Amino acid sequence: MKTAYLYLGAAIVAEVIATSLLKTSQGFTRLWPSVATVVGYAISFYCLAQTLGSVPTGVAYAIWSGVGIVLISLIAWLVFGQSLDGPALLGMGLIVAGVLVINLFSKSVAH
């Protein structure tokens, strides 16, 4: 089970990197950021697929997408200067709360 969560963590990191590079690819008009984006997504989906051997699909996807949304939003704010208003921060807080509830209280997640 620990290996599954290591794969899930790697899937999240690869997806966050790929999505960050997606902006710099400028609509896939710049070669190297575009190549890195595609490779990052391929690594992310491979690692996510490895996770699904022992973590339920819905749980793995909720964690992968939820953590990814929050990290991408933070990177967009820190690196690209995009703003996050109160409702955006509240929504991300709810996403984090949802991921925590799944991990701490759901019987679907083996600990």
Protein backbone atom coordinates (compact mmCIF):
# COMPACT_ATOMS: atom_id res chain seq x y z
CA MET A 1 0.00 0.00 0.00
CA LYS A 2 2.90 2.40 0.71
CA THR A 3 4.16 1.85 -2.82
CA ALA A 4 0.75 2.80 -4.19
CA TYR A 5 0.87 6.12 -2.37
CA LEU A 6 4.43 6.74 -3.56
CA TYR A 7 3.17 6.21 -7.11
CA LEU A 8 0.25 8.53 -6.38
CA GLY A 9 2.61 11.20 -5.08
CA ALA A 10 4.77 10.83 -8.19
CA ALA A 11 1.64 11.06 -10.37
CA ILE A 12 0.65 14.31 -8.65
CA VAL A 13 4.12 15.84 -8.99
CA ALA A 14 4.39 14.85 -12.67
CA GLU A 15 0.92 16.24 -13.40
CA VAL A 16 1.67 19.51 -11.63
CA ILE A 17 4.92 19.93 -13.56
CA ALA A 18 3.22 19.05 -16.85
CA THR A 19 0.36 21.46 -16.25
CA SER A 20 2.78 24.23 -15.29
CA LEU A 21 4.71 23.62 -18.51
CA LEU A 22 1.48 23.59 -20.48
CA LYS A 23 1.23 27.35 -19.95
CA THR A 24 4.81 27.87 -21.11
CA SER A 25 4.21 25.75 -24.21
CA GLN A 26 2.00 28.60 -25.48
CA GLY A 27 -0.63 26.37 -27.00
CA PHE A 28 1.92 23.73 -28.06
CA THR A 29 3.73 26.26 -30.26
CA ARG A 30 7.03 25.96 -28.35
CA LEU A 31 8.75 22.60 -28.90
CA TRP A 32 10.56 21.79 -25.64
CA PRO A 33 7.88 22.90 -23.19
CA SER A 34 5.38 20.96 -25.34
CA VAL A 35 7.51 17.80 -25.31
CA ALA A 36 8.06 18.12 -21.55
CA THR A 37 4.30 18.59 -21.03
CA VAL A 38 3.44 15.42 -22.93
CA VAL A 39 6.17 13.43 -21.16
CA GLY A 40 5.00 14.75 -17.78
CA TYR A 41 1.41 13.73 -18.44
CA ALA A 42 2.55 10.30 -19.65
CA ILE A 43 4.54 9.78 -16.45
CA SER A 44 1.62 11.03 -14.39
CA PHE A 45 -0.89 8.66 -15.97
CA TYR A 46 1.53 5.73 -15.74
CA CYS A 47 2.05 6.36 -12.03
CA LEU A 48 -1.68 6.88 -11.47
CA ALA A 49 -2.38 3.56 -13.22
CA GLN A 50 0.10 1.83 -10.90
CA THR A 51 -1.75 3.28 -7.92
CA LEU A 52 -5.05 1.75 -9.03
CA GLY A 53 -3.81 -1.76 -8.27
CA SER A 54 -4.45 -1.19 -4.57
CA VAL A 55 -6.24 2.15 -4.14
CA PRO A 56 -9.88 2.45 -5.29
CA THR A 57 -10.21 4.47 -8.50
CA GLY A 58 -12.48 7.14 -7.04
CA VAL A 59 -10.27 7.66 -4.01
CA ALA A 60 -7.05 7.80 -6.05
CA TYR A 61 -8.59 10.21 -8.55
CA ALA A 62 -10.03 12.44 -5.82
CA ILE A 63 -6.62 12.74 -4.17
CA TRP A 64 -4.76 13.13 -7.49
CA SER A 65 -7.05 15.81 -8.86
CA GLY A 66 -7.68 17.61 -5.55
CA VAL A 67 -4.04 17.94 -4.56
CA GLY A 68 -3.15 18.78 -8.16
CA ILE A 69 -5.71 21.60 -8.29
CA VAL A 70 -4.39 23.17 -5.13
CA LEU A 71 -0.73 22.85 -6.13
CA ILE A 72 -1.34 24.20 -9.63
CA SER A 73 -3.26 27.15 -8.21
CA LEU A 74 -0.40 27.92 -5.83
CA ILE A 75 2.17 27.68 -8.62
CA ALA A 76 0.04 29.91 -10.85
CA TRP A 77 -0.08 32.45 -8.02
CA LEU A 78 3.61 32.24 -7.08
CA VAL A 79 5.22 31.79 -10.51
CA PHE A 80 2.81 33.31 -13.01
CA GLY A 81 1.40 36.08 -10.81
CA GLN A 82 -2.20 34.96 -11.16
CA SER A 83 -4.53 36.16 -8.43
CA LEU A 84 -6.51 34.03 -6.02
CA ASP A 85 -9.53 35.74 -4.49
CA GLY A 86 -11.47 34.74 -1.39
CA PRO A 87 -13.85 32.32 -3.12
CA ALA A 88 -10.91 30.61 -4.87
CA LEU A 89 -9.08 30.19 -1.57
CA LEU A 90 -12.26 28.94 0.12
CA GLY A 91 -12.82 26.43 -2.66
CA MET A 92 -9.25 25.16 -2.41
CA GLY A 93 -9.67 24.88 1.35
CA LEU A 94 -12.75 22.73 0.77
CA ILE A 95 -10.81 20.56 -1.67
CA VAL A 96 -8.06 20.04 0.92
CA ALA A 97 -10.70 19.27 3.54
CA GLY A 98 -12.26 16.70 1.20
CA VAL A 99 -8.94 14.98 0.58
CA LEU A 100 -8.29 14.89 4.33
CA VAL A 101 -11.74 13.44 5.05
CA ILE A 102 -11.19 10.72 2.46
CA ASN A 103 -7.78 9.82 3.85
CA LEU A 104 -8.60 10.05 7.53
CA PHE A 105 -12.14 8.71 7.75
CA SER A 106 -13.08 6.72 4.65
CA LYS A 107 -13.23 2.96 4.98
CA SER A 108 -12.45 2.80 1.26
CA VAL A 109 -8.85 3.74 1.98
CA ALA A 110 -6.74 1.01 3.52
CA HIS A 111 -4.23 2.39 6.01
